[in-house]
Amino acid sequence: TLEPLALRSAADVLLCVHAPWDEVDVLPELEVFARLWAHERRVRVASIDVSRNDLPRRLRLERTPALLFFRGDEPASAAPRDFSAVASRDALMEHVLEHTSIK
């Protein structure tokens, strides 16, 4: 479930929340991004399909797809950073590097 994967993880997590009816399929690009981070165990890249899984109410997403970043060194109650507006892989990499708990 999402709780241990992202909300209670010691690792940073970039989570893609998506649905089959999304106008944009972000999963292929997310898979490329995940391969770039595969060597780093303190950063995980994950996805969740909202048509098959329930989300915690506290996430309150207005639309999908959404890219949420959870820092592993913050409490589970902390709000994730919303990277949904990031337009390119390079910009996403910059955002993750800027906000990661890995220093």
C-alpha atoms as a PDB file:
ATOM      1  CA  THR A   1       0.000   0.000   0.000  1.00  0.00           C
ATOM      2  CA  LEU A   2       0.934   3.635  -0.179  1.00  0.00           C
ATOM      3  CA  GLU A   3       1.483   4.023   3.567  1.00  0.00           C
ATOM      4  CA  PRO A   4       4.746   2.041   3.905  1.00  0.00           C
ATOM      5  CA  LEU A   5       5.897   2.874   0.387  1.00  0.00           C
ATOM      6  CA  ALA A   6       5.773   6.653   0.545  1.00  0.00           C
ATOM      7  CA  LEU A   7       4.258   7.996   3.731  1.00  0.00           C
ATOM      8  CA  ARG A   8       6.352   6.006   6.212  1.00  0.00           C
ATOM      9  CA  SER A   9       9.488   5.377   4.164  1.00  0.00           C
ATOM     10  CA  ALA A  10      12.992   6.288   5.313  1.00  0.00           C
ATOM     11  CA  ALA A  11      13.830   6.891   1.650  1.00  0.00           C
ATOM     12  CA  ASP A  12      12.719   9.863  -0.406  1.00  0.00           C
ATOM     13  CA  VAL A  13       9.906   8.884  -2.768  1.00  0.00           C
ATOM     14  CA  LEU A  14       8.813  10.405  -6.058  1.00  0.00           C
ATOM     15  CA  LEU A  15       5.262   9.134  -6.520  1.00  0.00           C
ATOM     16  CA  CYS A  16       3.294   9.341  -9.748  1.00  0.00           C
ATOM     17  CA  VAL A  17      -0.454   9.226  -9.132  1.00  0.00           C
ATOM     18  CA  HIS A  18      -2.212   8.353 -12.365  1.00  0.00           C
ATOM     19  CA  ALA A  19      -5.378   6.921 -13.894  1.00  0.00           C
ATOM     20  CA  PRO A  20      -6.227   5.172 -17.177  1.00  0.00           C
ATOM     21  CA  TRP A  21      -8.288   8.176 -18.304  1.00  0.00           C
ATOM     22  CA  ASP A  22      -5.407  10.675 -18.007  1.00  0.00           C
ATOM     23  CA  GLU A  23      -4.852  12.747 -21.134  1.00  0.00           C
ATOM     24  CA  VAL A  24      -1.075  12.371 -20.782  1.00  0.00           C
ATOM     25  CA  ASP A  25       0.657   9.042 -20.176  1.00  0.00           C
ATOM     26  CA  VAL A  26       3.552   9.939 -17.886  1.00  0.00           C
ATOM     27  CA  LEU A  27       4.534   6.357 -17.060  1.00  0.00           C
ATOM     28  CA  PRO A  28       7.065   5.853 -19.893  1.00  0.00           C
ATOM     29  CA  GLU A  29       8.940   8.999 -18.874  1.00  0.00           C
ATOM     30  CA  LEU A  30       8.707   8.017 -15.213  1.00  0.00           C
ATOM     31  CA  GLU A  31      10.270   4.636 -16.026  1.00  0.00           C
ATOM     32  CA  VAL A  32      13.229   6.392 -17.663  1.00  0.00           C
ATOM     33  CA  PHE A  33      13.568   8.634 -14.617  1.00  0.00           C
ATOM     34  CA  ALA A  34      13.409   5.609 -12.311  1.00  0.00           C
ATOM     35  CA  ARG A  35      16.282   3.970 -14.190  1.00  0.00           C
ATOM     36  CA  LEU A  36      18.370   7.110 -13.652  1.00  0.00           C
ATOM     37  CA  TRP A  37      17.841   6.739  -9.887  1.00  0.00           C
ATOM     38  CA  ALA A  38      18.052   2.933  -9.719  1.00  0.00           C
ATOM     39  CA  HIS A  39      21.551   3.048  -8.164  1.00  0.00           C
ATOM     40  CA  GLU A  40      20.419   5.237  -5.251  1.00  0.00           C
ATOM     41  CA  ARG A  41      18.621   3.221  -2.562  1.00  0.00           C
ATOM     42  CA  ARG A  42      17.649   6.346  -0.614  1.00  0.00           C
ATOM     43  CA  VAL A  43      15.428   7.585  -3.447  1.00  0.00           C
ATOM     44  CA  ARG A  44      12.529   5.529  -4.785  1.00  0.00           C
ATOM     45  CA  VAL A  45      10.361   6.176  -7.804  1.00  0.00           C
ATOM     46  CA  ALA A  46       6.881   4.669  -7.649  1.00  0.00           C
ATOM     47  CA  SER A  47       3.463   4.957  -9.239  1.00  0.00           C
ATOM     48  CA  ILE A  48      -0.074   4.265  -8.142  1.00  0.00           C
ATOM     49  CA  ASP A  49      -3.195   3.870 -10.277  1.00  0.00           C
ATOM     50  CA  VAL A  50      -6.115   5.605  -8.541  1.00  0.00           C
ATOM     51  CA  SER A  51      -8.639   3.523 -10.455  1.00  0.00           C
ATOM     52  CA  ARG A  52      -7.337   0.427  -8.630  1.00  0.00           C
ATOM     53  CA  ASN A  53      -6.118   1.866  -5.321  1.00  0.00           C
ATOM     54  CA  ASP A  54      -7.442   4.232  -2.698  1.00  0.00           C
ATOM     55  CA  LEU A  55      -5.389   7.257  -1.734  1.00  0.00           C
ATOM     56  CA  PRO A  56      -5.187   8.636   1.775  1.00  0.00           C
ATOM     57  CA  ARG A  57      -7.642  11.507   2.093  1.00  0.00           C
ATOM     58  CA  ARG A  58      -4.919  13.856   3.236  1.00  0.00           C
ATOM     59  CA  LEU A  59      -3.391  13.863  -0.268  1.00  0.00           C
ATOM     60  CA  ARG A  60      -6.538  15.500  -1.730  1.00  0.00           C
ATOM     61  CA  LEU A  61      -5.513  15.474  -5.375  1.00  0.00           C
ATOM     62  CA  GLU A  62      -7.500  17.639  -7.744  1.00  0.00           C
ATOM     63  CA  ARG A  63      -6.242  15.974 -10.910  1.00  0.00           C
ATOM     64  CA  THR A  64      -4.130  13.209 -12.319  1.00  0.00           C
ATOM     65  CA  PRO A  65      -1.462  12.634 -13.286  1.00  0.00           C
ATOM     66  CA  ALA A  66       0.286  14.109 -10.288  1.00  0.00           C
ATOM     67  CA  LEU A  67       3.931  13.890  -9.218  1.00  0.00           C
ATOM     68  CA  LEU A  68       4.414  14.042  -5.463  1.00  0.00           C
ATOM     69  CA  PHE A  69       7.734  14.055  -3.639  1.00  0.00           C
ATOM     70  CA  PHE A  70       7.977  12.728  -0.081  1.00  0.00           C
ATOM     71  CA  ARG A  71      11.159  13.316   1.916  1.00  0.00           C
ATOM     72  CA  GLY A  72      12.212  10.337   3.969  1.00  0.00           C
ATOM     73  CA  ASP A  73      13.482  12.489   6.832  1.00  0.00           C
ATOM     74  CA  GLU A  74      10.130  14.235   7.374  1.00  0.00           C
ATOM     75  CA  PRO A  75       7.246  12.923   9.482  1.00  0.00           C
ATOM     76  CA  ALA A  76       4.523  10.921   7.761  1.00  0.00           C
ATOM     77  CA  SER A  77       2.132  13.807   8.428  1.00  0.00           C
ATOM     78  CA  ALA A  78       4.216  16.246   6.341  1.00  0.00           C
ATOM     79  CA  ALA A  79       2.664  17.392   3.093  1.00  0.00           C
ATOM     80  CA  PRO A  80       4.397  16.110  -0.030  1.00  0.00           C
ATOM     81  CA  ARG A  81       5.915  18.546  -2.486  1.00  0.00           C
ATOM     82  CA  ASP A  82       3.895  18.746  -5.696  1.00  0.00           C
ATOM     83  CA  PHE A  83       6.120  18.433  -8.777  1.00  0.00           C
ATOM     84  CA  SER A  84       3.198  18.023 -11.192  1.00  0.00           C
ATOM     85  CA  ALA A  85       3.965  21.259 -13.058  1.00  0.00           C
ATOM     86  CA  VAL A  86       7.553  20.223 -13.834  1.00  0.00           C
ATOM     87  CA  ALA A  87       7.741  20.041 -17.621  1.00  0.00           C
ATOM     88  CA  SER A  88      10.909  18.099 -18.439  1.00  0.00           C
ATOM     89  CA  ARG A  89      13.080  15.265 -17.173  1.00  0.00           C
ATOM     90  CA  ASP A  90      15.969  17.677 -16.580  1.00  0.00           C
ATOM     91  CA  ALA A  91      13.766  20.025 -14.568  1.00  0.00           C
ATOM     92  CA  LEU A  92      12.405  17.084 -12.573  1.00  0.00           C
ATOM     93  CA  MET A  93      15.965  15.982 -11.817  1.00  0.00           C
ATOM     94  CA  GLU A  94      16.773  19.501 -10.580  1.00  0.00           C
ATOM     95  CA  HIS A  95      13.682  19.523  -8.348  1.00  0.00           C
ATOM     96  CA  VAL A  96      14.502  16.141  -6.834  1.00  0.00           C
ATOM     97  CA  LEU A  97      18.126  17.150  -6.229  1.00  0.00           C
ATOM     98  CA  GLU A  98      17.019  20.438  -4.667  1.00  0.00           C
ATOM     99  CA  HIS A  99      14.508  18.826  -2.296  1.00  0.00           C
ATOM    100  CA  THR A 100      16.106  15.469  -1.487  1.00  0.00           C
ATOM    101  CA  SER A 101      17.155  14.598   2.035  1.00  0.00           C
ATOM    102  CA  ILE A 102      20.390  13.174   0.590  1.00  0.00           C
ATOM    103  CA  LYS A 103      23.197  15.675   0.942  1.00  0.00           C
END
